C-alpha atoms as a PDB file:
ATOM      1  CA  MET A   1      -5.825  55.383-108.362  1.00  0.00           C
ATOM      2  CA  SER A   2      -7.904  52.643-109.935  1.00  0.00           C
ATOM      3  CA  SER A   3      -6.504  50.628-112.800  1.00  0.00           C
ATOM      4  CA  PHE A   4      -9.354  52.086-114.852  1.00  0.00           C
ATOM      5  CA  ASP A   5      -8.573  55.638-113.748  1.00  0.00           C
ATOM      6  CA  THR A   6      -6.906  56.880-116.934  1.00  0.00           C
ATOM      7  CA  PRO A   7      -7.261  60.069-118.984  1.00  0.00           C
ATOM      8  CA  HIS A   8      -8.695  57.988-121.828  1.00  0.00           C
ATOM      9  CA  GLU A   9     -11.476  56.591-119.661  1.00  0.00           C
ATOM     10  CA  THR A  10     -12.317  59.729-117.711  1.00  0.00           C
ATOM     11  CA  GLY A  11     -12.294  61.868-120.810  1.00  0.00           C
ATOM     12  CA  ARG A  12     -15.225  60.019-122.386  1.00  0.00           C
ATOM     13  CA  PHE A  13     -18.875  60.797-121.871  1.00  0.00           C
ATOM     14  CA  ARG A  14     -20.342  58.037-124.028  1.00  0.00           C
ATOM     15  CA  LEU A  15     -22.154  55.611-121.752  1.00  0.00           C
ATOM     16  CA  THR A  16     -21.398  51.906-121.872  1.00  0.00           C
ATOM     17  CA  GLY A  17     -24.196  49.350-121.639  1.00  0.00           C
ATOM     18  CA  ARG A  18     -23.455  48.779-117.952  1.00  0.00           C
ATOM     19  CA  GLU A  19     -23.531  52.492-117.166  1.00  0.00           C
ATOM     20  CA  GLY A  20     -26.742  52.876-119.111  1.00  0.00           C
ATOM     21  CA  ARG A  21     -28.346  50.069-117.084  1.00  0.00           C
ATOM     22  CA  VAL A  22     -27.307  51.695-113.815  1.00  0.00           C
ATOM     23  CA  ILE A  23     -28.628  55.111-114.824  1.00  0.00           C
ATOM     24  CA  GLY A  24     -31.808  53.619-116.253  1.00  0.00           C
ATOM     25  CA  GLY A  25     -32.420  51.485-113.170  1.00  0.00           C
ATOM     26  CA  ALA A  26     -31.822  54.338-110.718  1.00  0.00           C
ATOM     27  CA  SER A  27     -33.990  56.676-112.812  1.00  0.00           C
ATOM     28  CA  GLY A  28     -36.808  54.149-112.858  1.00  0.00           C
ATOM     29  CA  LEU A  29     -36.674  53.833-109.078  1.00  0.00           C
ATOM     30  CA  MET A  30     -36.756  57.621-108.738  1.00  0.00           C
ATOM     31  CA  VAL A  31     -39.847  57.852-110.946  1.00  0.00           C
ATOM     32  CA  ILE A  32     -41.607  55.390-108.629  1.00  0.00           C
ATOM     33  CA  THR A  33     -40.454  57.344-105.568  1.00  0.00           C
ATOM     34  CA  VAL A  34     -41.754  60.651-106.924  1.00  0.00           C
ATOM     35  CA  ALA A  35     -45.084  59.032-107.773  1.00  0.00           C
ATOM     36  CA  LEU A  36     -45.319  57.671-104.220  1.00  0.00           C
ATOM     37  CA  MET A  37     -44.625  61.126-102.796  1.00  0.00           C
ATOM     38  CA  TYR A  38     -47.497  62.549-104.803  1.00  0.00           C
ATOM     39  CA  VAL A  39     -49.927  59.772-103.865  1.00  0.00           C
ATOM     40  CA  PHE A  40     -48.933  59.583-100.186  1.00  0.00           C
ATOM     41  CA  ALA A  41     -49.299  63.361 -99.785  1.00  0.00           C
ATOM     42  CA  SER A  42     -53.090  62.882 -99.881  1.00  0.00           C
ATOM     43  CA  THR A  43     -53.101  60.113 -97.263  1.00  0.00           C
ATOM     44  CA  GLN A  44     -52.551  59.823 -93.532  1.00  0.00           C
ATOM     45  CA  LEU A  45     -48.948  58.797 -94.233  1.00  0.00           C
ATOM     46  CA  ALA A  46     -48.218  62.467 -94.876  1.00  0.00           C
ATOM     47  CA  VAL A  47     -48.531  63.234 -91.148  1.00  0.00           C
ATOM     48  CA  VAL A  48     -45.638  60.933 -90.216  1.00  0.00           C
ATOM     49  CA  ASN A  49     -43.141  63.780 -90.619  1.00  0.00           C
ATOM     50  CA  GLU A  50     -45.221  66.030 -88.383  1.00  0.00           C
ATOM     51  CA  VAL A  51     -45.382  63.362 -85.674  1.00  0.00           C
ATOM     52  CA  LEU A  52     -41.682  62.477 -85.782  1.00  0.00           C
ATOM     53  CA  PHE A  53     -40.096  65.874 -86.308  1.00  0.00           C
ATOM     54  CA  GLY A  54     -42.721  67.529 -84.121  1.00  0.00           C
ATOM     55  CA  ALA A  55     -41.656  65.369 -81.185  1.00  0.00           C
ATOM     56  CA  ALA A  56     -37.976  66.182 -81.822  1.00  0.00           C
ATOM     57  CA  PRO A  57     -36.123  66.800 -85.106  1.00  0.00           C
ATOM     58  CA  ILE A  58     -33.483  64.258 -84.188  1.00  0.00           C
ATOM     59  CA  LEU A  59     -36.211  61.590 -83.849  1.00  0.00           C
ATOM     60  CA  GLY A  60     -37.253  62.091 -87.456  1.00  0.00           C
ATOM     61  CA  VAL A  61     -33.641  61.986 -88.620  1.00  0.00           C
ATOM     62  CA  LEU A  62     -32.940  58.773 -86.723  1.00  0.00           C
ATOM     63  CA  VAL A  63     -36.124  56.999 -87.849  1.00  0.00           C
ATOM     64  CA  TYR A  64     -35.701  57.844 -91.536  1.00  0.00           C
ATOM     65  CA  GLY A  65     -31.964  57.270 -91.358  1.00  0.00           C
ATOM     66  CA  ALA A  66     -32.520  53.824 -89.852  1.00  0.00           C
ATOM     67  CA  ALA A  67     -35.141  52.972 -92.491  1.00  0.00           C
ATOM     68  CA  ILE A  68     -32.756  53.926 -95.297  1.00  0.00           C
ATOM     69  CA  PHE A  69     -29.822  52.075 -93.719  1.00  0.00           C
ATOM     70  CA  VAL A  70     -31.822  48.883 -93.105  1.00  0.00           C
ATOM     71  CA  GLY A  71     -33.503  49.076 -96.519  1.00  0.00           C
ATOM     72  CA  GLU A  72     -30.153  49.400 -98.259  1.00  0.00           C
ATOM     73  CA  LEU A  73     -28.669  46.566 -96.200  1.00  0.00           C
ATOM     74  CA  ILE A  74     -31.548  44.209 -97.039  1.00  0.00           C
ATOM     75  CA  ALA A  75     -31.603  45.155-100.732  1.00  0.00           C
ATOM     76  CA  GLU A  76     -27.851  44.715-101.122  1.00  0.00           C
ATOM     77  CA  ARG A  77     -27.906  41.379 -99.314  1.00  0.00           C
ATOM     78  CA  GLY A  78     -30.637  40.189-101.637  1.00  0.00           C
ATOM     79  CA  VAL A  79     -28.642  41.217-104.712  1.00  0.00           C
ATOM     80  CA  LYS A  80     -25.441  39.601-103.425  1.00  0.00           C
ATOM     81  CA  ASN A  81     -27.256  36.344-102.636  1.00  0.00           C
ATOM     82  CA  ASP A  82     -29.252  36.450-105.882  1.00  0.00           C
ATOM     83  CA  ASP A  83     -32.415  36.500-103.751  1.00  0.00           C
ATOM     84  CA  MET A  84     -34.795  38.799-105.609  1.00  0.00           C
ATOM     85  CA  GLY A  85     -37.450  38.500-102.899  1.00  0.00           C
ATOM     86  CA  THR A  86     -35.092  39.916-100.282  1.00  0.00           C
ATOM     87  CA  ALA A  87     -33.803  42.579-102.671  1.00  0.00           C
ATOM     88  CA  PHE A  88     -37.378  43.607-103.480  1.00  0.00           C
ATOM     89  CA  GLY A  89     -38.221  43.837 -99.778  1.00  0.00           C
ATOM     90  CA  GLY A  90     -35.277  46.145 -99.179  1.00  0.00           C
ATOM     91  CA  MET A  91     -36.252  48.335-102.124  1.00  0.00           C
ATOM     92  CA  VAL A  92     -39.829  48.570-100.847  1.00  0.00           C
ATOM     93  CA  LEU A  93     -38.524  49.855 -97.502  1.00  0.00           C
ATOM     94  CA  LEU A  94     -36.330  52.420 -99.267  1.00  0.00           C
ATOM     95  CA  GLN A  95     -39.179  53.556-101.498  1.00  0.00           C
ATOM     96  CA  LEU A  96     -41.500  53.916 -98.515  1.00  0.00           C
ATOM     97  CA  ALA A  97     -38.928  55.879 -96.506  1.00  0.00           C
ATOM     98  CA  PHE A  98     -38.254  58.434 -99.241  1.00  0.00           C
ATOM     99  CA  GLY A  99     -41.878  58.455-100.425  1.00  0.00           C
ATOM    100  CA  ILE A 100     -43.364  59.112 -96.988  1.00  0.00           C
ATOM    101  CA  PHE A 101     -40.777  61.781 -96.181  1.00  0.00           C
ATOM    102  CA  GLY A 102     -41.445  63.588 -99.449  1.00  0.00           C
ATOM    103  CA  ALA A 103     -45.199  63.316 -98.886  1.00  0.00           C
ATOM    104  CA  GLY A 104     -44.785  64.964 -95.507  1.00  0.00           C
ATOM    105  CA  VAL A 105     -43.014  67.889 -97.124  1.00  0.00           C
ATOM    106  CA  LEU A 106     -45.732  68.231 -99.788  1.00  0.00           C
ATOM    107  CA  GLN A 107     -48.805  67.837 -97.586  1.00  0.00           C
ATOM    108  CA  VAL A 108     -49.303  71.581 -97.011  1.00  0.00           C
ATOM    109  CA  THR A 109     -49.793  72.213-100.748  1.00  0.00           C
ATOM    110  CA  THR A 110     -52.642  71.517-103.170  1.00  0.00           C
ATOM    111  CA  PRO A 111     -52.547  68.507-105.549  1.00  0.00           C
ATOM    112  CA  GLU A 112     -52.036  70.882-108.502  1.00  0.00           C
ATOM    113  CA  ALA A 113     -49.145  72.675-106.820  1.00  0.00           C
ATOM    114  CA  ARG A 114     -47.527  69.364-105.914  1.00  0.00           C
ATOM    115  CA  LEU A 115     -47.026  68.455-109.560  1.00  0.00           C
ATOM    116  CA  GLU A 116     -45.299  71.776-110.230  1.00  0.00           C
ATOM    117  CA  ILE A 117     -43.132  71.508-107.115  1.00  0.00           C
ATOM    118  CA  LEU A 118     -42.099  67.937-107.911  1.00  0.00           C
ATOM    119  CA  GLY A 119     -41.350  68.961-111.493  1.00  0.00           C
ATOM    120  CA  ILE A 120     -39.122  71.854-110.398  1.00  0.00           C
ATOM    121  CA  THR A 121     -37.383  69.623-107.873  1.00  0.00           C
ATOM    122  CA  ALA A 122     -36.781  66.936-110.506  1.00  0.00           C
ATOM    123  CA  ILE A 123     -35.221  69.455-112.890  1.00  0.00           C
ATOM    124  CA  VAL A 124     -32.945  70.960-110.222  1.00  0.00           C
ATOM    125  CA  THR A 125     -31.912  67.507-108.991  1.00  0.00           C
ATOM    126  CA  ALA A 126     -31.208  66.350-112.560  1.00  0.00           C
ATOM    127  CA  LEU A 127     -29.023  69.408-113.183  1.00  0.00           C
ATOM    128  CA  MET A 128     -27.108  68.861-109.945  1.00  0.00           C
ATOM    129  CA  THR A 129     -26.648  65.179-110.765  1.00  0.00           C
ATOM    130  CA  ALA A 130     -25.432  66.064-114.253  1.00  0.00           C
ATOM    131  CA  GLY A 131     -22.984  68.566-112.768  1.00  0.00           C
ATOM    132  CA  VAL A 132     -21.542  66.046-110.320  1.00  0.00           C
ATOM    133  CA  THR A 133     -21.392  63.378-113.034  1.00  0.00           C
ATOM    134  CA  GLY A 134     -19.594  65.721-115.412  1.00  0.00           C
ATOM    135  CA  TYR A 135     -17.084  66.644-112.723  1.00  0.00           C
ATOM    136  CA  VAL A 136     -16.363  63.023-111.830  1.00  0.00           C
ATOM    137  CA  TYR A 137     -16.006  61.892-115.455  1.00  0.00           C
ATOM    138  CA  ALA A 138     -13.851  64.885-116.400  1.00  0.00           C
ATOM    139  CA  ARG A 139     -11.238  64.226-113.720  1.00  0.00           C
ATOM    140  CA  SER A 140      -8.616  61.502-113.896  1.00  0.00           C
ATOM    141  CA  ALA A 141      -8.723  60.856-110.162  1.00  0.00           C
ATOM    142  CA  THR A 142     -10.178  58.564-107.547  1.00  0.00           C
ATOM    143  CA  PHE A 143     -13.240  59.683-105.581  1.00  0.00           C
ATOM    144  CA  GLU A 144     -13.110  56.986-102.941  1.00  0.00           C
ATOM    145  CA  HIS A 145     -12.413  59.634-100.294  1.00  0.00           C
ATOM    146  CA  TRP A 146     -15.784  61.218-101.114  1.00  0.00           C
ATOM    147  CA  GLY A 147     -17.426  58.151 -99.585  1.00  0.00           C
ATOM    148  CA  ARG A 148     -15.521  58.702 -96.336  1.00  0.00           C
ATOM    149  CA  PHE A 149     -16.293  62.418 -96.358  1.00  0.00           C
ATOM    150  CA  ALA A 150     -19.982  61.619 -96.918  1.00  0.00           C
ATOM    151  CA  ASN A 151     -20.055  59.401 -93.820  1.00  0.00           C
ATOM    152  CA  VAL A 152     -18.362  62.102 -91.756  1.00  0.00           C
ATOM    153  CA  SER A 153     -20.867  64.650 -93.016  1.00  0.00           C
ATOM    154  CA  PHE A 154     -23.813  62.369 -92.170  1.00  0.00           C
ATOM    155  CA  ILE A 155     -22.518  61.710 -88.661  1.00  0.00           C
ATOM    156  CA  GLY A 156     -21.752  65.394 -88.119  1.00  0.00           C
ATOM    157  CA  GLY A 157     -25.240  66.306 -89.309  1.00  0.00           C
ATOM    158  CA  VAL A 158     -26.890  63.873 -86.898  1.00  0.00           C
ATOM    159  CA  ILE A 159     -24.833  65.177 -83.969  1.00  0.00           C
ATOM    160  CA  VAL A 160     -25.566  68.817 -84.813  1.00  0.00           C
ATOM    161  CA  ILE A 161     -29.302  68.124 -85.217  1.00  0.00           C
ATOM    162  CA  ALA A 162     -29.322  66.264 -81.891  1.00  0.00           C
ATOM    163  CA  VAL A 163     -27.825  69.318 -80.180  1.00  0.00           C
ATOM    164  CA  GLY A 164     -30.155  71.636 -82.070  1.00  0.00           C
ATOM    165  CA  SER A 165     -33.185  69.581 -81.053  1.00  0.00           C
ATOM    166  CA  PHE A 166     -32.647  70.201 -77.354  1.00  0.00           C
ATOM    167  CA  VAL A 167     -30.200  73.082 -76.895  1.00  0.00           C
ATOM    168  CA  LEU A 168     -29.601  75.399 -79.853  1.00  0.00           C
ATOM    169  CA  PRO A 169     -32.397  75.319 -82.490  1.00  0.00           C
ATOM    170  CA  ILE A 170     -30.313  77.490 -84.813  1.00  0.00           C
ATOM    171  CA  LEU A 171     -28.057  74.463 -85.364  1.00  0.00           C
ATOM    172  CA  LEU A 172     -30.862  72.579 -87.109  1.00  0.00           C
ATOM    173  CA  SER A 173     -30.136  74.446 -90.352  1.00  0.00           C
ATOM    174  CA  VAL A 174     -26.458  73.528 -90.057  1.00  0.00           C
ATOM    175  CA  GLY A 175     -27.423  69.885 -89.621  1.00  0.00           C
ATOM    176  CA  PHE A 176     -29.638  70.092 -92.727  1.00  0.00           C
ATOM    177  CA  VAL A 177     -26.691  71.436 -94.740  1.00  0.00           C
ATOM    178  CA  LEU A 178     -24.344  68.720 -93.488  1.00  0.00           C
ATOM    179  CA  ILE A 179     -26.733  65.893 -94.368  1.00  0.00           C
ATOM    180  CA  PHE A 180     -27.444  67.487 -97.766  1.00  0.00           C
ATOM    181  CA  LEU A 181     -23.683  67.705 -98.340  1.00  0.00           C
ATOM    182  CA  GLY A 182     -23.383  64.065 -97.290  1.00  0.00           C
ATOM    183  CA  PHE A 183     -25.805  62.972-100.019  1.00  0.00           C
ATOM    184  CA  MET A 184     -24.009  65.134-102.599  1.00  0.00           C
ATOM    185  CA  LEU A 185     -20.662  63.592-101.685  1.00  0.00           C
ATOM    186  CA  ARG A 186     -22.151  60.123-101.754  1.00  0.00           C
ATOM    187  CA  LEU A 187     -23.602  60.862-105.182  1.00  0.00           C
ATOM    188  CA  GLY A 188     -20.119  61.682-106.460  1.00  0.00           C
ATOM    189  CA  TYR A 189     -18.755  58.539-104.831  1.00  0.00           C
ATOM    190  CA  GLU A 190     -21.446  56.324-106.350  1.00  0.00           C
ATOM    191  CA  ILE A 191     -20.920  57.835-109.807  1.00  0.00           C
ATOM    192  CA  TRP A 192     -17.193  57.146-109.452  1.00  0.00           C
ATOM    193  CA  GLN A 193     -18.065  53.548-108.548  1.00  0.00           C
ATOM    194  CA  VAL A 194     -20.063  53.279-111.778  1.00  0.00           C
ATOM    195  CA  ARG A 195     -17.214  54.818-113.746  1.00  0.00           C
ATOM    196  CA  ASP A 196     -14.336  52.756-112.393  1.00  0.00           C
ATOM    197  CA  ARG A 197     -15.598  49.771-110.394  1.00  0.00           C
ATOM    198  CA  ARG A 198     -16.643  47.545-113.279  1.00  0.00           C
ATOM    199  CA  ASN A 199     -16.300  44.454-111.101  1.00  0.00           C
ATOM    200  CA  VAL A 200     -19.101  45.636-108.784  1.00  0.00           C
ATOM    201  CA  SER A 201     -22.598  44.251-109.368  1.00  0.00           C
ATOM    202  CA  THR A 202     -24.800  46.449-111.538  1.00  0.00           C
ATOM    203  CA  GLY A 203     -27.648  45.834-109.079  1.00  0.00           C
ATOM    204  CA  LEU A 204     -25.586  47.165-106.175  1.00  0.00           C
ATOM    205  CA  GLN A 205     -24.600  50.238-108.169  1.00  0.00           C
ATOM    206  CA  ILE A 206     -28.237  50.937-109.066  1.00  0.00           C
ATOM    207  CA  ILE A 207     -29.141  50.857-105.365  1.00  0.00           C
ATOM    208  CA  GLY A 208     -26.232  53.126-104.433  1.00  0.00           C
ATOM    209  CA  VAL A 209     -26.961  55.728-107.099  1.00  0.00           C
ATOM    210  CA  TYR A 210     -30.695  55.645-106.351  1.00  0.00           C
ATOM    211  CA  ILE A 211     -30.210  56.316-102.624  1.00  0.00           C
ATOM    212  CA  ALA A 212     -27.813  59.186-103.305  1.00  0.00           C
ATOM    213  CA  VAL A 213     -30.100  60.819-105.889  1.00  0.00           C
ATOM    214  CA  ALA A 214     -33.186  60.310-103.712  1.00  0.00           C
ATOM    215  CA  GLY A 215     -31.371  61.904-100.780  1.00  0.00           C
ATOM    216  CA  VAL A 216     -30.475  64.925-102.883  1.00  0.00           C
ATOM    217  CA  PHE A 217     -34.039  65.074-104.228  1.00  0.00           C
ATOM    218  CA  VAL A 218     -35.746  65.284-100.834  1.00  0.00           C
ATOM    219  CA  HIS A 219     -33.382  68.032 -99.713  1.00  0.00           C
ATOM    220  CA  VAL A 220     -33.918  70.035-102.890  1.00  0.00           C
ATOM    221  CA  LEU A 221     -37.665  69.495-102.402  1.00  0.00           C
ATOM    222  CA  GLN A 222     -37.473  71.184 -99.016  1.00  0.00           C
ATOM    223  CA  LEU A 223     -35.522  74.102-100.466  1.00  0.00           C
ATOM    224  CA  VAL A 224     -38.032  74.543-103.289  1.00  0.00           C
ATOM    225  CA  MET A 225     -40.880  74.534-100.768  1.00  0.00           C
ATOM    226  CA  ARG A 226     -39.137  77.178 -98.650  1.00  0.00           C
ATOM    227  CA  TYR A 227     -38.451  79.355-101.683  1.00  0.00           C
ATOM    228  CA  LEU A 228     -42.040  79.204-102.903  1.00  0.00           C
ATOM    229  CA  ALA A 229     -43.323  79.951 -99.405  1.00  0.00           C
ATOM    230  CA  SER A 230     -41.083  83.024 -99.219  1.00  0.00           C
ATOM    231  CA  GLN A 231     -42.637  84.341-102.452  1.00  0.00           C
ATOM    232  CA  GLU A 232     -46.188  84.302-101.093  1.00  0.00           C
END
């Protein structure tokens, strides 16, 4: 248990200045990402998903996964070295990865419908984030193991999707669930980092929370699209 992991600390819900900066920074990055999804959906970038996942679902997973991993690595290195140019480059890669993926999901809809779908997705994602945040802050416990579980879930999802891509297509849905779960677990882990790891750079925490929320967002986006399609 962290030295900050006390009932007094976990029982509060009033945000400190540092926590407010992390939430504000991650929220700002998400606003940009959602805007990119909407804009890219009307461009040729929207066909990237079709090309990648059409060739093989695992190809899309690996390409986007690599983009997110490399983008995070570059952005975090820039923050650690106080090199804003490098940090900005990493964030651009992350924004493009999530923006292009989301655009690919939205491309089959009209511009008017896209605003509604993105709005619904934002509300659902915000509620899920609030639920995870409330759970983490209400418990006097460490959530470091959630980070390990998230990695296991990501790896398991990739393996299952790889098998589903070439052998058992029914496993693709299982892989989707595992990767979605991985982002949810990482979200809880990153929120715990904000709550207890006060010695960690605010910039690094903004990046961590942003990636987790963006990952949840794109998965919820796909679920919203499937639900609306089933109602037609």
